[in-house]
Every structure is written in C-alpha cells, then in structure tokens.
C-alpha cells in the first residue's frame, strides 16, 4: 500500500489534508472510547453469563432428577396423559434493546401459576418436576439473552478494534506522511525561489556597477 496520498504539493492540498488528519484523529479517539466502553460491557456480560450458566446447570440437574422420579412413579404413558392440555407455565416477552449502538433481543420471562391437575393417578413428584422445569425455563431465557448480548458486544468490540488499528497504523500515517511530503516540497520550492531571487539581485548589482 502507498505510504502517502497522490495529491499535488500545493498549499491548498496541505490545508485540506491537514484538516482531514485532524478529523481522522478525532474519529480514532471516539472509536477508542467506544472500544473501551464495549470492552467493559463485555466483561460485565461475561460475568453475568458465567453466573447464569452455572445456575442453569444446577437447575437442569435438579429438573432431570425430579423428571426421573416422576417417570418411575407414574410411568411414561400416565405422565403424557397428565401433561395433555396443560397451559404454559412461563410468559416470555422479547423486545429489541440497544447498548452502545449494539442491538440485541431483551427477554423477559415471568413464571405463571401452575394449572391444577386431577389427583387420580398423579404423584406429588409431578408438581415438583413442573416447578423445577418452570424455574429452569425462566433461567434459560435469561441465559439466552445474556449469551446473545455477549456475543454481539464482543463482535462489535472486535470490529471497533479493527477500525482503530486501521486508522492508527494505516490511514492516519498515510495522511501524516502526505502532510510531511507537501511541507517538504513547499519548503524546497521556497528555498529555490529565494536562491533565484539572490542570483537575480546579484546579477542586477553587477550590471549596475558595470554601467
């Protein structure tokens, strides 16, 4: 890639490229602030995700424990019959949220009262398993939101870091090198002009003495 831009070494180009350098520096600073904020949010979400994941694993083991008990006490066929027609036990609402320009679905899960079932051929473990599964569903919804937000924030953080690197190590150095090149060319032209003026003055002075 070229080390500098292809622009004529003029004063107008120097002013224009100089303004662009300042604008790019401001953009880099803003992106660095965004990157730092995204990094902080990533670590916050990571801690929340780890906590919810551990909670999910524990609740999942407990739910399967009670499912095993109710399976042994009621049998698979009776369990399926008792489950037919049951209303949902969790209300889930999903809306879009945004954090530092990163959108992700926000999940709200609320447990609902369990629908009563007939006492015939049912066991107390059936209600206990339903309670455990309801709690697990709520936790899974929260875990899904945390994981989704974490990955989206992480992707945005990496993308922002790439932009910072591009500005810092590629784009801004090219513009800065262009500014230095134009200044050097203008200074060289100025020295040549002064030298020519001195030569002309010397010739004029010599001609005046000869005359």
C-alpha atoms as a PDB file:
ATOM      1  CA  UNK A   1       0.000   0.000   0.000  1.00  0.00           C
ATOM      2  CA  UNK A   2       1.247   3.532  -0.768  1.00  0.00           C
ATOM      3  CA  UNK A   3       2.911   5.418   2.062  1.00  0.00           C
ATOM      4  CA  UNK A   4       1.236   8.696   1.127  1.00  0.00           C
ATOM      5  CA  UNK A   5      -1.656  10.060  -0.912  1.00  0.00           C
ATOM      6  CA  UNK A   6      -1.356  11.063  -4.539  1.00  0.00           C
ATOM      7  CA  UNK A   7      -2.015  14.800  -4.239  1.00  0.00           C
ATOM      8  CA  UNK A   8      -0.171  17.784  -5.707  1.00  0.00           C
ATOM      9  CA  UNK A   9       2.251  19.517  -3.293  1.00  0.00           C
ATOM     10  CA  UNK A  10       0.314  22.765  -3.022  1.00  0.00           C
ATOM     11  CA  UNK A  11      -0.710  24.956  -0.104  1.00  0.00           C
ATOM     12  CA  UNK A  12      -4.401  24.251  -0.690  1.00  0.00           C
ATOM     13  CA  UNK A  13      -3.713  20.498  -0.644  1.00  0.00           C
ATOM     14  CA  UNK A  14      -1.691  20.943   2.552  1.00  0.00           C
ATOM     15  CA  UNK A  15      -4.608  22.718   4.255  1.00  0.00           C
ATOM     16  CA  UNK A  16      -7.125  20.139   3.055  1.00  0.00           C
ATOM     17  CA  UNK A  17      -5.055  17.103   4.075  1.00  0.00           C
ATOM     18  CA  UNK A  18      -4.222  18.764   7.399  1.00  0.00           C
ATOM     19  CA  UNK A  19      -7.924  19.189   8.176  1.00  0.00           C
ATOM     20  CA  UNK A  20      -8.535  15.560   7.236  1.00  0.00           C
ATOM     21  CA  UNK A  21      -5.781  14.432   9.608  1.00  0.00           C
ATOM     22  CA  UNK A  22      -7.438  16.289  12.500  1.00  0.00           C
ATOM     23  CA  UNK A  23     -10.813  14.775  11.591  1.00  0.00           C
ATOM     24  CA  UNK A  24      -9.318  11.276  11.449  1.00  0.00           C
ATOM     25  CA  UNK A  25      -7.602  11.773  14.813  1.00  0.00           C
ATOM     26  CA  UNK A  26     -10.930  12.794  16.368  1.00  0.00           C
ATOM     27  CA  UNK A  27     -12.562   9.730  14.841  1.00  0.00           C
ATOM     28  CA  UNK A  28      -9.825   7.488  16.236  1.00  0.00           C
ATOM     29  CA  UNK A  29     -10.266   8.937  19.723  1.00  0.00           C
ATOM     30  CA  UNK A  30     -14.032   8.434  19.574  1.00  0.00           C
ATOM     31  CA  UNK A  31     -13.597   4.842  18.391  1.00  0.00           C
ATOM     32  CA  UNK A  32     -11.122   4.150  21.186  1.00  0.00           C
ATOM     33  CA  UNK A  33     -13.640   5.411  23.736  1.00  0.00           C
ATOM     34  CA  UNK A  34     -16.320   3.227  22.161  1.00  0.00           C
ATOM     35  CA  UNK A  35     -13.958   0.246  22.199  1.00  0.00           C
ATOM     36  CA  UNK A  36     -13.160   0.764  25.877  1.00  0.00           C
ATOM     37  CA  UNK A  37     -16.848   1.027  26.742  1.00  0.00           C
ATOM     38  CA  UNK A  38     -17.660  -2.099  24.729  1.00  0.00           C
ATOM     39  CA  UNK A  39     -14.839  -3.969  26.457  1.00  0.00           C
ATOM     40  CA  UNK A  40     -16.240  -3.022  29.858  1.00  0.00           C
ATOM     41  CA  UNK A  41     -19.714  -4.174  28.829  1.00  0.00           C
ATOM     42  CA  UNK A  42     -18.282  -7.451  27.506  1.00  0.00           C
ATOM     43  CA  UNK A  43     -16.664  -8.218  30.857  1.00  0.00           C
ATOM     44  CA  UNK A  44     -19.876  -7.328  32.693  1.00  0.00           C
ATOM     45  CA  UNK A  45     -21.938  -9.574  30.430  1.00  0.00           C
ATOM     46  CA  UNK A  46     -19.332 -12.324  30.668  1.00  0.00           C
ATOM     47  CA  UNK A  47     -19.613 -12.369  34.463  1.00  0.00           C
ATOM     48  CA  UNK A  48     -23.420 -12.460  34.200  1.00  0.00           C
ATOM     49  CA  UNK A  49     -23.258 -15.218  31.585  1.00  0.00           C
ATOM     50  CA  UNK A  50     -20.986 -17.391  33.717  1.00  0.00           C
ATOM     51  CA  UNK A  51     -23.237 -16.952  36.733  1.00  0.00           C
ATOM     52  CA  UNK A  52     -26.393 -17.814  34.765  1.00  0.00           C
ATOM     53  CA  UNK A  53     -24.683 -20.769  33.107  1.00  0.00           C
ATOM     54  CA  UNK A  54     -23.710 -22.234  36.472  1.00  0.00           C
ATOM     55  CA  UNK A  55     -27.252 -21.649  37.734  1.00  0.00           C
ATOM     56  CA  UNK A  56     -28.691 -23.299  34.614  1.00  0.00           C
ATOM     57  CA  UNK A  57     -26.525 -26.381  35.031  1.00  0.00           C
ATOM     58  CA  UNK A  58     -27.634 -26.767  38.651  1.00  0.00           C
ATOM     59  CA  UNK A  59     -31.322 -26.251  37.850  1.00  0.00           C
ATOM     60  CA  UNK A  60     -31.095 -28.577  34.857  1.00  0.00           C
ATOM     61  CA  UNK A  61     -29.690 -31.362  37.014  1.00  0.00           C
ATOM     62  CA  UNK A  62     -32.413 -30.796  39.613  1.00  0.00           C
ATOM     63  CA  UNK A  63     -35.185 -30.786  36.993  1.00  0.00           C
ATOM     64  CA  UNK A  64     -33.954 -34.023  35.427  1.00  0.00           C
ATOM     65  CA  UNK A  65     -33.703 -35.545  38.899  1.00  0.00           C
ATOM     66  CA  UNK A  66     -37.408 -34.917  39.528  1.00  0.00           C
ATOM     67  CA  UNK A  67     -38.313 -35.981  35.992  1.00  0.00           C
ATOM     68  CA  UNK A  68     -36.634 -39.293  36.692  1.00  0.00           C
ATOM     69  CA  UNK A  69     -38.603 -39.681  39.903  1.00  0.00           C
ATOM     70  CA  UNK A  70     -41.963 -38.864  38.311  1.00  0.00           C
ATOM     71  CA  UNK A  71     -41.145 -41.161  35.405  1.00  0.00           C
ATOM     72  CA  UNK A  72     -40.599 -44.061  37.784  1.00  0.00           C
ATOM     73  CA  UNK A  73     -43.658 -43.348  39.925  1.00  0.00           C
ATOM     74  CA  UNK A  74     -46.206 -42.525  37.220  1.00  0.00           C
ATOM     75  CA  UNK A  75     -44.813 -44.181  34.109  1.00  0.00           C
ATOM     76  CA  UNK A  76     -44.359 -42.637  30.702  1.00  0.00           C
ATOM     77  CA  UNK A  77     -47.900 -43.144  29.433  1.00  0.00           C
ATOM     78  CA  UNK A  78     -49.555 -41.686  32.523  1.00  0.00           C
ATOM     79  CA  UNK A  79     -47.118 -38.794  32.513  1.00  0.00           C
ATOM     80  CA  UNK A  80     -48.018 -37.944  28.929  1.00  0.00           C
ATOM     81  CA  UNK A  81     -51.733 -38.139  29.666  1.00  0.00           C
ATOM     82  CA  UNK A  82     -51.399 -35.860  32.698  1.00  0.00           C
ATOM     83  CA  UNK A  83     -49.470 -33.325  30.615  1.00  0.00           C
ATOM     84  CA  UNK A  84     -52.046 -33.090  27.820  1.00  0.00           C
ATOM     85  CA  UNK A  85     -53.906 -29.785  27.797  1.00  0.00           C
ATOM     86  CA  UNK A  86     -51.725 -28.037  30.373  1.00  0.00           C
ATOM     87  CA  UNK A  87     -51.383 -24.315  29.862  1.00  0.00           C
ATOM     88  CA  UNK A  88     -47.997 -22.647  29.538  1.00  0.00           C
ATOM     89  CA  UNK A  89     -46.218 -22.081  32.824  1.00  0.00           C
ATOM     90  CA  UNK A  90     -43.992 -19.180  31.719  1.00  0.00           C
ATOM     91  CA  UNK A  91     -44.777 -15.895  29.991  1.00  0.00           C
ATOM     92  CA  UNK A  92     -41.980 -14.762  27.681  1.00  0.00           C
ATOM     93  CA  UNK A  93     -41.719 -11.356  26.055  1.00  0.00           C
ATOM     94  CA  UNK A  94     -38.940 -10.365  23.645  1.00  0.00           C
ATOM     95  CA  UNK A  95     -38.136  -6.764  22.720  1.00  0.00           C
ATOM     96  CA  UNK A  96     -35.190  -5.153  20.983  1.00  0.00           C
ATOM     97  CA  UNK A  97     -32.647  -3.270  23.077  1.00  0.00           C
ATOM     98  CA  UNK A  98     -29.557  -1.273  22.158  1.00  0.00           C
ATOM     99  CA  UNK A  99     -26.339  -0.674  24.066  1.00  0.00           C
ATOM    100  CA  UNK A 100     -23.543   1.481  22.609  1.00  0.00           C
ATOM    101  CA  UNK A 101     -25.155   1.062  19.203  1.00  0.00           C
ATOM    102  CA  UNK A 102     -25.309  -2.733  19.509  1.00  0.00           C
ATOM    103  CA  UNK A 103     -28.816  -4.192  19.218  1.00  0.00           C
ATOM    104  CA  UNK A 104     -29.798  -7.461  20.859  1.00  0.00           C
ATOM    105  CA  UNK A 105     -33.071  -9.101  21.945  1.00  0.00           C
ATOM    106  CA  UNK A 106     -34.090  -8.495  25.548  1.00  0.00           C
ATOM    107  CA  UNK A 107     -36.002 -11.414  27.036  1.00  0.00           C
ATOM    108  CA  UNK A 108     -38.423 -11.062  29.936  1.00  0.00           C
ATOM    109  CA  UNK A 109     -39.620 -14.357  31.409  1.00  0.00           C
ATOM    110  CA  UNK A 110     -42.198 -14.459  34.199  1.00  0.00           C
ATOM    111  CA  UNK A 111     -43.478 -17.637  35.883  1.00  0.00           C
ATOM    112  CA  UNK A 112     -47.234 -18.202  35.731  1.00  0.00           C
ATOM    113  CA  UNK A 113     -49.379 -20.106  38.246  1.00  0.00           C
ATOM    114  CA  UNK A 114     -49.304 -23.831  37.581  1.00  0.00           C
ATOM    115  CA  UNK A 115     -52.565 -25.284  36.315  1.00  0.00           C
ATOM    116  CA  UNK A 116     -54.068 -27.765  38.798  1.00  0.00           C
ATOM    117  CA  UNK A 117     -54.331 -31.382  37.666  1.00  0.00           C
ATOM    118  CA  UNK A 118     -56.528 -34.219  38.844  1.00  0.00           C
ATOM    119  CA  UNK A 119     -55.348 -36.164  41.868  1.00  0.00           C
ATOM    120  CA  UNK A 120     -56.127 -39.566  40.339  1.00  0.00           C
ATOM    121  CA  UNK A 121     -53.023 -41.455  39.169  1.00  0.00           C
ATOM    122  CA  UNK A 122     -50.774 -38.432  39.785  1.00  0.00           C
ATOM    123  CA  UNK A 123     -47.920 -38.122  42.217  1.00  0.00           C
ATOM    124  CA  UNK A 124     -46.556 -35.194  44.231  1.00  0.00           C
ATOM    125  CA  UNK A 125     -43.324 -35.540  42.245  1.00  0.00           C
ATOM    126  CA  UNK A 126     -45.270 -34.449  39.149  1.00  0.00           C
ATOM    127  CA  UNK A 127     -45.918 -30.993  40.605  1.00  0.00           C
ATOM    128  CA  UNK A 128     -42.362 -30.793  41.899  1.00  0.00           C
ATOM    129  CA  UNK A 129     -40.992 -31.554  38.437  1.00  0.00           C
ATOM    130  CA  UNK A 130     -43.263 -28.913  36.903  1.00  0.00           C
ATOM    131  CA  UNK A 131     -41.978 -26.339  39.390  1.00  0.00           C
ATOM    132  CA  UNK A 132     -38.369 -27.204  38.620  1.00  0.00           C
ATOM    133  CA  UNK A 133     -38.965 -27.021  34.873  1.00  0.00           C
ATOM    134  CA  UNK A 134     -40.701 -23.667  35.223  1.00  0.00           C
ATOM    135  CA  UNK A 135     -37.714 -22.266  37.112  1.00  0.00           C
ATOM    136  CA  UNK A 136     -35.359 -23.747  34.537  1.00  0.00           C
ATOM    137  CA  UNK A 137     -37.279 -22.133  31.664  1.00  0.00           C
ATOM    138  CA  UNK A 138     -37.001 -18.700  33.250  1.00  0.00           C
ATOM    139  CA  UNK A 139     -33.282 -19.144  33.815  1.00  0.00           C
ATOM    140  CA  UNK A 140     -32.745 -20.416  30.263  1.00  0.00           C
ATOM    141  CA  UNK A 141     -34.469 -17.325  28.889  1.00  0.00           C
ATOM    142  CA  UNK A 142     -32.158 -15.082  30.905  1.00  0.00           C
ATOM    143  CA  UNK A 143     -29.155 -17.141  29.841  1.00  0.00           C
ATOM    144  CA  UNK A 144     -30.159 -16.849  26.186  1.00  0.00           C
ATOM    145  CA  UNK A 145     -30.368 -13.064  26.441  1.00  0.00           C
ATOM    146  CA  UNK A 146     -27.006 -12.828  28.231  1.00  0.00           C
ATOM    147  CA  UNK A 147     -25.273 -15.092  25.712  1.00  0.00           C
ATOM    148  CA  UNK A 148     -26.753 -13.319  22.692  1.00  0.00           C
ATOM    149  CA  UNK A 149     -25.833  -9.883  24.042  1.00  0.00           C
ATOM    150  CA  UNK A 150     -22.342 -11.096  24.980  1.00  0.00           C
ATOM    151  CA  UNK A 151     -21.538 -12.379  21.507  1.00  0.00           C
ATOM    152  CA  UNK A 152     -22.924  -9.288  19.782  1.00  0.00           C
ATOM    153  CA  UNK A 153     -20.995  -6.932  22.081  1.00  0.00           C
ATOM    154  CA  UNK A 154     -17.861  -8.996  21.577  1.00  0.00           C
ATOM    155  CA  UNK A 155     -18.262  -8.869  17.785  1.00  0.00           C
ATOM    156  CA  UNK A 156     -18.795  -5.094  17.919  1.00  0.00           C
ATOM    157  CA  UNK A 157     -15.729  -4.701  20.155  1.00  0.00           C
ATOM    158  CA  UNK A 158     -13.545  -6.636  17.713  1.00  0.00           C
ATOM    159  CA  UNK A 159     -14.907  -4.681  14.756  1.00  0.00           C
ATOM    160  CA  UNK A 160     -14.224  -1.389  16.535  1.00  0.00           C
ATOM    161  CA  UNK A 161     -10.690  -2.518  17.398  1.00  0.00           C
ATOM    162  CA  UNK A 162     -10.048  -3.306  13.723  1.00  0.00           C
ATOM    163  CA  UNK A 163     -11.203   0.189  12.767  1.00  0.00           C
ATOM    164  CA  UNK A 164      -8.951   1.737  15.411  1.00  0.00           C
ATOM    165  CA  UNK A 165      -5.988  -0.250  14.127  1.00  0.00           C
ATOM    166  CA  UNK A 166      -6.749   0.711  10.528  1.00  0.00           C
ATOM    167  CA  UNK A 167      -6.835   4.398  11.437  1.00  0.00           C
ATOM    168  CA  UNK A 168      -3.853   4.268  13.770  1.00  0.00           C
ATOM    169  CA  UNK A 169      -1.460   2.143  11.718  1.00  0.00           C
ATOM    170  CA  UNK A 170      -2.610   2.656   8.132  1.00  0.00           C
ATOM    171  CA  UNK A 171      -4.860   5.574   7.247  1.00  0.00           C
ATOM    172  CA  UNK A 172      -3.586   8.308   9.588  1.00  0.00           C
ATOM    173  CA  UNK A 173       0.112   7.529   8.880  1.00  0.00           C
ATOM    174  CA  UNK A 174      -0.589   7.867   5.129  1.00  0.00           C
ATOM    175  CA  UNK A 175      -2.196  11.260   5.633  1.00  0.00           C
ATOM    176  CA  UNK A 176       0.553  12.374   8.018  1.00  0.00           C
ATOM    177  CA  UNK A 177       3.236  11.269   5.564  1.00  0.00           C
ATOM    178  CA  UNK A 178       1.432  13.240   2.875  1.00  0.00           C
ATOM    179  CA  UNK A 179       1.458  16.374   5.033  1.00  0.00           C
ATOM    180  CA  UNK A 180       5.199  15.991   5.673  1.00  0.00           C
ATOM    181  CA  UNK A 181       5.824  15.413   1.978  1.00  0.00           C
ATOM    182  CA  UNK A 182       3.858  18.514   0.925  1.00  0.00           C
ATOM    183  CA  UNK A 183       5.575  20.665   3.548  1.00  0.00           C
ATOM    184  CA  UNK A 184       8.985  19.451   2.447  1.00  0.00           C
ATOM    185  CA  UNK A 185       8.150  20.123  -1.206  1.00  0.00           C
ATOM    186  CA  UNK A 186       6.850  23.625  -0.426  1.00  0.00           C
ATOM    187  CA  UNK A 187       9.942  24.407   1.672  1.00  0.00           C
ATOM    188  CA  UNK A 188      12.167  23.186  -1.158  1.00  0.00           C
ATOM    189  CA  UNK A 189      10.292  25.398  -3.632  1.00  0.00           C
ATOM    190  CA  UNK A 190      10.646  28.327  -1.262  1.00  0.00           C
ATOM    191  CA  UNK A 191      14.405  27.760  -0.946  1.00  0.00           C
ATOM    192  CA  UNK A 192      14.741  27.543  -4.719  1.00  0.00           C
ATOM    193  CA  UNK A 193      12.766  30.759  -5.131  1.00  0.00           C
ATOM    194  CA  UNK A 194      14.926  32.583  -2.592  1.00  0.00           C
ATOM    195  CA  UNK A 195      18.053  31.285  -4.283  1.00  0.00           C
ATOM    196  CA  UNK A 196      16.840  32.515  -7.656  1.00  0.00           C
ATOM    197  CA  UNK A 197      15.987  35.911  -6.168  1.00  0.00           C
ATOM    198  CA  UNK A 198      19.503  36.177  -4.731  1.00  0.00           C
ATOM    199  CA  UNK A 199      21.029  35.241  -8.071  1.00  0.00           C
ATOM    200  CA  UNK A 200      18.935  37.848  -9.876  1.00  0.00           C
ATOM    201  CA  UNK A 201      19.822  40.520  -7.320  1.00  0.00           C
ATOM    202  CA  UNK A 202      23.495  39.672  -7.653  1.00  0.00           C
ATOM    203  CA  UNK A 203      23.296  39.943 -11.438  1.00  0.00           C
ATOM    204  CA  UNK A 204      21.437  43.225 -11.175  1.00  0.00           C
ATOM    205  CA  UNK A 205      24.008  44.632  -8.778  1.00  0.00           C
ATOM    206  CA  UNK A 206      26.865  43.511 -11.038  1.00  0.00           C
ATOM    207  CA  UNK A 207      25.207  45.077 -14.070  1.00  0.00           C
ATOM    208  CA  UNK A 208      24.727  48.362 -12.183  1.00  0.00           C
ATOM    209  CA  UNK A 209      28.395  48.512 -11.254  1.00  0.00           C
ATOM    210  CA  UNK A 210      29.440  47.755 -14.843  1.00  0.00           C
ATOM    211  CA  UNK A 211      27.205  50.501 -16.136  1.00  0.00           C
END
